[in-house]
């Protein structure tokens, strides 16, 4: 039981360490500008190619929506990492 608790403590420390990097990278003035820019280019229509798509392939609207959702998932992950650090530091 004690070994499991130690493993959980170690995992929590590693998570906090990882989220700290996201926090300091993206909560800085420059990092916030980057996040704002990413949100700006990803908040447009899911059916329109934007600067967030840098490919020259013909894709249908469904494929574009899947690509955009993947991009948005990365943005949500960054924000979740920042929030985790803020809540647990």
PDB file of N, CA and C in Angstrom:
ATOM      1  N   UNK A   1       0.825  -1.194   0.000  1.00  0.00           N
ATOM      2  CA  UNK A   1       0.000   0.000   0.000  1.00  0.00           C
ATOM      3  C   UNK A   1       0.866   1.253   0.000  1.00  0.00           C
ATOM      4  N   UNK A   2       1.895   1.233   0.840  1.00  0.00           N
ATOM      5  CA  UNK A   2       2.788   2.383   0.922  1.00  0.00           C
ATOM      6  C   UNK A   2       3.523   2.609  -0.398  1.00  0.00           C
ATOM      7  N   UNK A   3       3.862   1.507  -1.082  1.00  0.00           N
ATOM      8  CA  UNK A   3       4.525   1.594  -2.378  1.00  0.00           C
ATOM      9  C   UNK A   3       3.621   2.273  -3.400  1.00  0.00           C
ATOM     10  N   UNK A   4       2.317   1.945  -3.363  1.00  0.00           N
ATOM     11  CA  UNK A   4       1.351   2.575  -4.272  1.00  0.00           C
ATOM     12  C   UNK A   4       1.238   4.067  -4.001  1.00  0.00           C
ATOM     13  N   UNK A   5       1.220   4.437  -2.728  1.00  0.00           N
ATOM     14  CA  UNK A   5       1.155   5.856  -2.377  1.00  0.00           C
ATOM     15  C   UNK A   5       2.384   6.593  -2.865  1.00  0.00           C
ATOM     16  N   UNK A   6       3.546   5.963  -2.743  1.00  0.00           N
ATOM     17  CA  UNK A   6       4.790   6.582  -3.212  1.00  0.00           C
ATOM     18  C   UNK A   6       4.757   6.760  -4.723  1.00  0.00           C
ATOM     19  N   UNK A   7       4.234   5.753  -5.420  1.00  0.00           N
ATOM     20  CA  UNK A   7       4.122   5.856  -6.880  1.00  0.00           C
ATOM     21  C   UNK A   7       3.183   6.993  -7.269  1.00  0.00           C
ATOM     22  N   UNK A   8       2.065   7.113  -6.568  1.00  0.00           N
ATOM     23  CA  UNK A   8       1.129   8.204  -6.849  1.00  0.00           C
ATOM     24  C   UNK A   8       1.769   9.559  -6.564  1.00  0.00           C
ATOM     25  N   UNK A   9       2.504   9.659  -5.474  1.00  0.00           N
ATOM     26  CA  UNK A   9       3.211  10.908  -5.150  1.00  0.00           C
ATOM     27  C   UNK A   9       4.236  11.246  -6.218  1.00  0.00           C
ATOM     28  N   UNK A  10       4.966  10.240  -6.674  1.00  0.00           N
ATOM     29  CA  UNK A  10       5.965  10.463  -7.726  1.00  0.00           C
ATOM     30  C   UNK A  10       5.302  10.917  -9.023  1.00  0.00           C
ATOM     31  N   UNK A  11       4.179  10.300  -9.365  1.00  0.00           N
ATOM     32  CA  UNK A  11       3.457  10.679 -10.581  1.00  0.00           C
ATOM     33  C   UNK A  11       2.932  12.107 -10.467  1.00  0.00           C
ATOM     34  N   UNK A  12       2.421  12.475  -9.304  1.00  0.00           N
ATOM     35  CA  UNK A  12       1.910  13.830  -9.095  1.00  0.00           C
ATOM     36  C   UNK A  12       3.038  14.852  -9.214  1.00  0.00           C
ATOM     37  N   UNK A  13       4.202  14.522  -8.674  1.00  0.00           N
ATOM     38  CA  UNK A  13       5.353  15.429  -8.779  1.00  0.00           C
ATOM     39  C   UNK A  13       5.779  15.604 -10.230  1.00  0.00           C
ATOM     40  N   UNK A  14       5.795  14.509 -10.988  1.00  0.00           N
ATOM     41  CA  UNK A  14       6.162  14.580 -12.403  1.00  0.00           C
ATOM     42  C   UNK A  14       5.150  15.405 -13.198  1.00  0.00           C
ATOM     43  N   UNK A  15       3.872  15.223 -12.875  1.00  0.00           N
ATOM     44  CA  UNK A  15       2.821  15.990 -13.555  1.00  0.00           C
ATOM     45  C   UNK A  15       2.980  17.478 -13.252  1.00  0.00           C
ATOM     46  N   UNK A  16       3.240  17.792 -12.003  1.00  0.00           N
ATOM     47  CA  UNK A  16       3.412  19.188 -11.625  1.00  0.00           C
ATOM     48  C   UNK A  16       4.628  19.788 -12.327  1.00  0.00           C
ATOM     49  N   UNK A  17       5.682  19.005 -12.433  1.00  0.00           N
ATOM     50  CA  UNK A  17       6.893  19.457 -13.121  1.00  0.00           C
ATOM     51  C   UNK A  17       6.610  19.733 -14.600  1.00  0.00           C
ATOM     52  N   UNK A  18       5.856  18.831 -15.227  1.00  0.00           N
ATOM     53  CA  UNK A  18       5.517  19.012 -16.650  1.00  0.00           C
ATOM     54  C   UNK A  18       4.619  20.230 -16.842  1.00  0.00           C
ATOM     55  N   UNK A  19       3.612  20.368 -15.975  1.00  0.00           N
ATOM     56  CA  UNK A  19       2.688  21.485 -16.133  1.00  0.00           C
ATOM     57  C   UNK A  19       3.362  22.817 -15.826  1.00  0.00           C
ATOM     58  N   UNK A  20       4.372  22.798 -14.985  1.00  0.00           N
ATOM     59  CA  UNK A  20       5.115  24.023 -14.683  1.00  0.00           C
ATOM     60  C   UNK A  20       5.760  24.585 -15.950  1.00  0.00           C
ATOM     61  N   UNK A  21       6.281  23.712 -16.785  1.00  0.00           N
ATOM     62  CA  UNK A  21       6.896  24.160 -18.041  1.00  0.00           C
ATOM     63  C   UNK A  21       5.861  24.833 -18.940  1.00  0.00           C
ATOM     64  N   UNK A  22       4.678  24.235 -19.047  1.00  0.00           N
ATOM     65  CA  UNK A  22       3.614  24.853 -19.847  1.00  0.00           C
ATOM     66  C   UNK A  22       3.214  26.205 -19.255  1.00  0.00           C
ATOM     67  N   UNK A  23       3.095  26.241 -17.932  1.00  0.00           N
ATOM     68  CA  UNK A  23       2.699  27.466 -17.255  1.00  0.00           C
ATOM     69  C   UNK A  23       3.667  28.599 -17.580  1.00  0.00           C
ATOM     70  N   UNK A  24       4.949  28.358 -17.391  1.00  0.00           N
ATOM     71  CA  UNK A  24       5.920  29.436 -17.612  1.00  0.00           C
ATOM     72  C   UNK A  24       6.115  29.762 -19.091  1.00  0.00           C
ATOM     73  N   UNK A  25       5.904  28.788 -19.957  1.00  0.00           N
ATOM     74  CA  UNK A  25       6.022  29.063 -21.394  1.00  0.00           C
ATOM     75  C   UNK A  25       4.847  29.876 -21.916  1.00  0.00           C
ATOM     76  N   UNK A  26       3.642  29.571 -21.433  1.00  0.00           N
ATOM     77  CA  UNK A  26       2.454  30.190 -22.023  1.00  0.00           C
ATOM     78  C   UNK A  26       1.803  31.260 -21.162  1.00  0.00           C
ATOM     79  N   UNK A  27       2.166  31.393 -19.903  1.00  0.00           N
ATOM     80  CA  UNK A  27       1.589  32.451 -19.079  1.00  0.00           C
ATOM     81  C   UNK A  27       2.426  33.723 -19.118  1.00  0.00           C
ATOM     82  N   UNK A  28       3.540  33.675 -19.805  1.00  0.00           N
ATOM     83  CA  UNK A  28       4.325  34.888 -20.001  1.00  0.00           C
ATOM     84  C   UNK A  28       3.581  35.780 -20.990  1.00  0.00           C
ATOM     85  N   UNK A  29       4.006  37.011 -21.098  1.00  0.00           N
ATOM     86  CA  UNK A  29       3.359  37.928 -22.046  1.00  0.00           C
ATOM     87  C   UNK A  29       3.447  37.390 -23.473  1.00  0.00           C
ATOM     88  N   UNK A  30       4.605  36.895 -23.837  1.00  0.00           N
ATOM     89  CA  UNK A  30       4.784  36.347 -25.183  1.00  0.00           C
ATOM     90  C   UNK A  30       3.964  35.080 -25.370  1.00  0.00           C
ATOM     91  N   UNK A  31       3.960  34.216 -24.363  1.00  0.00           N
ATOM     92  CA  UNK A  31       3.193  32.980 -24.447  1.00  0.00           C
ATOM     93  C   UNK A  31       1.709  33.239 -24.593  1.00  0.00           C
ATOM     94  N   UNK A  32       1.204  34.240 -23.879  1.00  0.00           N
ATOM     95  CA  UNK A  32      -0.217  34.582 -23.983  1.00  0.00           C
ATOM     96  C   UNK A  32      -0.540  35.099 -25.386  1.00  0.00           C
ATOM     97  N   UNK A  33       0.398  35.823 -25.991  1.00  0.00           N
ATOM     98  CA  UNK A  33       0.181  36.283 -27.368  1.00  0.00           C
ATOM     99  C   UNK A  33       0.109  35.098 -28.315  1.00  0.00           C
ATOM    100  N   UNK A  34       0.951  34.095 -28.082  1.00  0.00           N
ATOM    101  CA  UNK A  34       0.928  32.891 -28.918  1.00  0.00           C
ATOM    102  C   UNK A  34      -0.412  32.177 -28.770  1.00  0.00           C
ATOM    103  N   UNK A  35      -0.871  31.980 -27.539  1.00  0.00           N
ATOM    104  CA  UNK A  35      -2.166  31.326 -27.323  1.00  0.00           C
ATOM    105  C   UNK A  35      -3.302  32.114 -27.955  1.00  0.00           C
ATOM    106  N   UNK A  36      -3.270  33.424 -27.814  1.00  0.00           N
ATOM    107  CA  UNK A  36      -4.304  34.264 -28.428  1.00  0.00           C
ATOM    108  C   UNK A  36      -4.304  34.112 -29.942  1.00  0.00           C
ATOM    109  N   UNK A  37      -3.108  34.071 -30.532  1.00  0.00           N
ATOM    110  CA  UNK A  37      -3.001  33.919 -31.981  1.00  0.00           C
ATOM    111  C   UNK A  37      -3.523  32.552 -32.413  1.00  0.00           C
ATOM    112  N   UNK A  38      -3.174  31.506 -31.672  1.00  0.00           N
ATOM    113  CA  UNK A  38      -3.682  30.176 -32.002  1.00  0.00           C
ATOM    114  C   UNK A  38      -5.205  30.133 -31.922  1.00  0.00           C
ATOM    115  N   UNK A  39      -5.749  30.723 -30.881  1.00  0.00           N
ATOM    116  CA  UNK A  39      -7.214  30.764 -30.762  1.00  0.00           C
ATOM    117  C   UNK A  39      -7.834  31.533 -31.916  1.00  0.00           C
ATOM    118  N   UNK A  40      -7.223  32.631 -32.308  1.00  0.00           N
ATOM    119  CA  UNK A  40      -7.748  33.442 -33.398  1.00  0.00           C
ATOM    120  C   UNK A  40      -7.820  32.645 -34.691  1.00  0.00           C
ATOM    121  N   UNK A  41      -6.745  31.925 -35.006  1.00  0.00           N
ATOM    122  CA  UNK A  41      -6.750  31.201 -36.279  1.00  0.00           C
ATOM    123  C   UNK A  41      -7.586  29.925 -36.216  1.00  0.00           C
ATOM    124  N   UNK A  42      -7.858  29.441 -35.018  1.00  0.00           N
ATOM    125  CA  UNK A  42      -8.658  28.222 -34.902  1.00  0.00           C
ATOM    126  C   UNK A  42     -10.132  28.493 -34.653  1.00  0.00           C
ATOM    127  N   UNK A  43     -10.502  29.728 -34.334  1.00  0.00           N
ATOM    128  CA  UNK A  43     -11.894  30.042 -34.032  1.00  0.00           C
ATOM    129  C   UNK A  43     -12.736  30.328 -35.257  1.00  0.00           C
ATOM    130  N   UNK A  44     -12.146  30.305 -36.418  1.00  0.00           N
ATOM    131  CA  UNK A  44     -12.926  30.532 -37.630  1.00  0.00           C
ATOM    132  C   UNK A  44     -13.783  29.324 -37.960  1.00  0.00           C
ATOM    133  N   UNK A  45     -14.433  29.387 -39.079  1.00  0.00           N
ATOM    134  CA  UNK A  45     -15.279  28.289 -39.524  1.00  0.00           C
ATOM    135  C   UNK A  45     -14.466  27.008 -39.645  1.00  0.00           C
ATOM    136  N   UNK A  46     -15.068  25.923 -39.244  1.00  0.00           N
ATOM    137  CA  UNK A  46     -14.411  24.625 -39.382  1.00  0.00           C
ATOM    138  C   UNK A  46     -14.358  24.169 -40.837  1.00  0.00           C
ATOM    139  N   UNK A  47     -15.047  24.872 -41.698  1.00  0.00           N
ATOM    140  CA  UNK A  47     -15.097  24.471 -43.095  1.00  0.00           C
ATOM    141  C   UNK A  47     -14.190  25.303 -43.988  1.00  0.00           C
ATOM    142  N   UNK A  48     -13.430  26.207 -43.407  1.00  0.00           N
ATOM    143  CA  UNK A  48     -12.569  27.087 -44.194  1.00  0.00           C
ATOM    144  C   UNK A  48     -11.123  26.869 -43.792  1.00  0.00           C
ATOM    145  N   UNK A  49     -10.256  26.675 -44.777  1.00  0.00           N
ATOM    146  CA  UNK A  49      -8.827  26.524 -44.504  1.00  0.00           C
ATOM    147  C   UNK A  49      -8.281  27.854 -44.005  1.00  0.00           C
ATOM    148  N   UNK A  50      -7.494  27.822 -42.936  1.00  0.00           N
ATOM    149  CA  UNK A  50      -6.886  29.026 -42.379  1.00  0.00           C
ATOM    150  C   UNK A  50      -5.384  28.830 -42.300  1.00  0.00           C
ATOM    151  N   UNK A  51      -4.705  29.781 -41.670  1.00  0.00           N
ATOM    152  CA  UNK A  51      -3.264  29.686 -41.488  1.00  0.00           C
ATOM    153  C   UNK A  51      -2.888  28.464 -40.645  1.00  0.00           C
ATOM    154  N   UNK A  52      -3.833  27.903 -39.930  1.00  0.00           N
ATOM    155  CA  UNK A  52      -3.567  26.720 -39.108  1.00  0.00           C
ATOM    156  C   UNK A  52      -3.419  25.465 -39.959  1.00  0.00           C
ATOM    157  N   UNK A  53      -3.791  25.540 -41.223  1.00  0.00           N
ATOM    158  CA  UNK A  53      -3.662  24.405 -42.140  1.00  0.00           C
ATOM    159  C   UNK A  53      -2.652  24.784 -43.212  1.00  0.00           C
ATOM    160  N   UNK A  54      -1.502  24.163 -43.182  1.00  0.00           N
ATOM    161  CA  UNK A  54      -0.438  24.546 -44.105  1.00  0.00           C
ATOM    162  C   UNK A  54      -0.155  23.454 -45.131  1.00  0.00           C
ATOM    163  N   UNK A  55      -1.200  22.890 -45.676  1.00  0.00           N
ATOM    164  CA  UNK A  55      -1.022  21.819 -46.640  1.00  0.00           C
ATOM    165  C   UNK A  55      -1.701  22.184 -47.951  1.00  0.00           C
ATOM    166  N   UNK A  56      -1.333  21.480 -48.986  1.00  0.00           N
ATOM    167  CA  UNK A  56      -1.865  21.765 -50.314  1.00  0.00           C
ATOM    168  C   UNK A  56      -2.716  20.600 -50.835  1.00  0.00           C
ATOM    169  N   UNK A  57      -3.365  19.886 -49.966  1.00  0.00           N
ATOM    170  CA  UNK A  57      -4.161  18.733 -50.380  1.00  0.00           C
ATOM    171  C   UNK A  57      -5.626  19.118 -50.513  1.00  0.00           C
ATOM    172  N   UNK A  58      -6.289  18.435 -51.388  1.00  0.00           N
ATOM    173  CA  UNK A  58      -7.730  18.622 -51.493  1.00  0.00           C
ATOM    174  C   UNK A  58      -8.377  17.718 -50.464  1.00  0.00           C
ATOM    175  N   UNK A  59      -9.122  18.323 -49.566  1.00  0.00           N
ATOM    176  CA  UNK A  59      -9.803  17.548 -48.542  1.00  0.00           C
ATOM    177  C   UNK A  59     -11.264  17.959 -48.506  1.00  0.00           C
ATOM    178  N   UNK A  60     -12.081  17.064 -48.031  1.00  0.00           N
ATOM    179  CA  UNK A  60     -13.502  17.400 -47.945  1.00  0.00           C
ATOM    180  C   UNK A  60     -13.785  18.072 -46.600  1.00  0.00           C
ATOM    181  N   UNK A  61     -14.950  18.689 -46.454  1.00  0.00           N
ATOM    182  CA  UNK A  61     -15.262  19.403 -45.208  1.00  0.00           C
ATOM    183  C   UNK A  61     -15.164  18.528 -43.954  1.00  0.00           C
ATOM    184  N   UNK A  62     -15.547  17.269 -44.055  1.00  0.00           N
ATOM    185  CA  UNK A  62     -15.458  16.375 -42.905  1.00  0.00           C
ATOM    186  C   UNK A  62     -14.020  16.159 -42.465  1.00  0.00           C
ATOM    187  N   UNK A  63     -13.122  15.992 -43.434  1.00  0.00           N
ATOM    188  CA  UNK A  63     -11.709  15.825 -43.111  1.00  0.00           C
ATOM    189  C   UNK A  63     -11.145  17.096 -42.483  1.00  0.00           C
ATOM    190  N   UNK A  64     -11.545  18.241 -43.025  1.00  0.00           N
ATOM    191  CA  UNK A  64     -11.068  19.506 -42.472  1.00  0.00           C
ATOM    192  C   UNK A  64     -11.550  19.684 -41.031  1.00  0.00           C
ATOM    193  N   UNK A  65     -12.783  19.285 -40.773  1.00  0.00           N
ATOM    194  CA  UNK A  65     -13.308  19.395 -39.410  1.00  0.00           C
ATOM    195  C   UNK A  65     -12.531  18.493 -38.455  1.00  0.00           C
ATOM    196  N   UNK A  66     -12.133  17.309 -38.892  1.00  0.00           N
ATOM    197  CA  UNK A  66     -11.344  16.416 -38.035  1.00  0.00           C
ATOM    198  C   UNK A  66      -9.966  17.020 -37.763  1.00  0.00           C
ATOM    199  N   UNK A  67      -9.366  17.598 -38.783  1.00  0.00           N
ATOM    200  CA  UNK A  67      -8.064  18.238 -38.612  1.00  0.00           C
ATOM    201  C   UNK A  67      -8.181  19.395 -37.620  1.00  0.00           C
ATOM    202  N   UNK A  68      -9.199  20.229 -37.809  1.00  0.00           N
ATOM    203  CA  UNK A  68      -9.385  21.385 -36.935  1.00  0.00           C
ATOM    204  C   UNK A  68      -9.639  20.952 -35.497  1.00  0.00           C
ATOM    205  N   UNK A  69     -10.397  19.885 -35.315  1.00  0.00           N
ATOM    206  CA  UNK A  69     -10.655  19.381 -33.959  1.00  0.00           C
ATOM    207  C   UNK A  69      -9.354  18.927 -33.310  1.00  0.00           C
ATOM    208  N   UNK A  70      -8.486  18.299 -34.071  1.00  0.00           N
ATOM    209  CA  UNK A  70      -7.183  17.903 -33.535  1.00  0.00           C
ATOM    210  C   UNK A  70      -6.366  19.114 -33.109  1.00  0.00           C
ATOM    211  N   UNK A  71      -6.400  20.159 -33.920  1.00  0.00           N
ATOM    212  CA  UNK A  71      -5.691  21.389 -33.568  1.00  0.00           C
ATOM    213  C   UNK A  71      -6.275  21.996 -32.300  1.00  0.00           C
ATOM    214  N   UNK A  72      -7.591  22.033 -32.213  1.00  0.00           N
ATOM    215  CA  UNK A  72      -8.243  22.578 -31.025  1.00  0.00           C
ATOM    216  C   UNK A  72      -7.942  21.740 -29.788  1.00  0.00           C
ATOM    217  N   UNK A  73      -7.790  20.431 -29.971  1.00  0.00           N
ATOM    218  CA  UNK A  73      -7.470  19.563 -28.845  1.00  0.00           C
ATOM    219  C   UNK A  73      -6.096  19.919 -28.268  1.00  0.00           C
ATOM    220  N   UNK A  74      -5.156  20.252 -29.116  1.00  0.00           N
ATOM    221  CA  UNK A  74      -3.833  20.664 -28.636  1.00  0.00           C
ATOM    222  C   UNK A  74      -3.953  21.949 -27.820  1.00  0.00           C
ATOM    223  N   UNK A  75      -4.735  22.890 -28.302  1.00  0.00           N
ATOM    224  CA  UNK A  75      -4.938  24.146 -27.581  1.00  0.00           C
ATOM    225  C   UNK A  75      -5.599  23.888 -26.217  1.00  0.00           C
ATOM    226  N   UNK A  76      -6.601  23.030 -26.194  1.00  0.00           N
ATOM    227  CA  UNK A  76      -7.248  22.690 -24.921  1.00  0.00           C
ATOM    228  C   UNK A  76      -6.270  22.008 -23.968  1.00  0.00           C
ATOM    229  N   UNK A  77      -5.394  21.172 -24.495  1.00  0.00           N
ATOM    230  CA  UNK A  77      -4.401  20.480 -23.667  1.00  0.00           C
ATOM    231  C   UNK A  77      -3.449  21.485 -23.018  1.00  0.00           C
ATOM    232  N   UNK A  78      -2.976  22.444 -23.791  1.00  0.00           N
ATOM    233  CA  UNK A  78      -2.085  23.472 -23.246  1.00  0.00           C
ATOM    234  C   UNK A  78      -2.785  24.218 -22.116  1.00  0.00           C
ATOM    235  N   UNK A  79      -4.023  24.610 -22.340  1.00  0.00           N
ATOM    236  CA  UNK A  79      -4.768  25.336 -21.309  1.00  0.00           C
ATOM    237  C   UNK A  79      -5.003  24.473 -20.068  1.00  0.00           C
ATOM    238  N   UNK A  80      -5.256  23.183 -20.273  1.00  0.00           N
ATOM    239  CA  UNK A  80      -5.461  22.279 -19.132  1.00  0.00           C
ATOM    240  C   UNK A  80      -4.172  22.129 -18.327  1.00  0.00           C
ATOM    241  N   UNK A  81      -3.050  22.084 -19.006  1.00  0.00           N
ATOM    242  CA  UNK A  81      -1.761  21.973 -18.309  1.00  0.00           C
ATOM    243  C   UNK A  81      -1.501  23.230 -17.480  1.00  0.00           C
ATOM    244  N   UNK A  82      -1.795  24.377 -18.040  1.00  0.00           N
ATOM    245  CA  UNK A  82      -1.626  25.648 -17.311  1.00  0.00           C
ATOM    246  C   UNK A  82      -2.536  25.663 -16.082  1.00  0.00           C
ATOM    247  N   UNK A  83      -3.792  25.273 -16.266  1.00  0.00           N
ATOM    248  CA  UNK A  83      -4.753  25.287 -15.147  1.00  0.00           C
ATOM    249  C   UNK A  83      -4.337  24.304 -14.060  1.00  0.00           C
ATOM    250  N   UNK A  84      -3.859  23.137 -14.449  1.00  0.00           N
ATOM    251  CA  UNK A  84      -3.430  22.153 -13.462  1.00  0.00           C
ATOM    252  C   UNK A  84      -2.320  22.737 -12.582  1.00  0.00           C
ATOM    253  N   UNK A  85      -1.364  23.390 -13.230  1.00  0.00           N
ATOM    254  CA  UNK A  85      -0.262  23.976 -12.456  1.00  0.00           C
ATOM    255  C   UNK A  85      -0.776  25.085 -11.536  1.00  0.00           C
ATOM    256  N   UNK A  86      -1.645  25.941 -12.054  1.00  0.00           N
ATOM    257  CA  UNK A  86      -2.190  27.023 -11.240  1.00  0.00           C
ATOM    258  C   UNK A  86      -2.943  26.472 -10.032  1.00  0.00           C
ATOM    259  N   UNK A  87      -3.664  25.386 -10.223  1.00  0.00           N
ATOM    260  CA  UNK A  87      -4.464  24.820  -9.139  1.00  0.00           C
ATOM    261  C   UNK A  87      -3.641  23.997  -8.143  1.00  0.00           C
ATOM    262  N   UNK A  88      -2.450  23.550  -8.542  1.00  0.00           N
ATOM    263  CA  UNK A  88      -1.705  22.617  -7.701  1.00  0.00           C
ATOM    264  C   UNK A  88      -0.315  23.058  -7.286  1.00  0.00           C
ATOM    265  N   UNK A  89       0.089  24.257  -7.660  1.00  0.00           N
ATOM    266  CA  UNK A  89       1.448  24.682  -7.309  1.00  0.00           C
ATOM    267  C   UNK A  89       1.596  24.965  -5.842  1.00  0.00           C
TER     268      UNK A  89
END
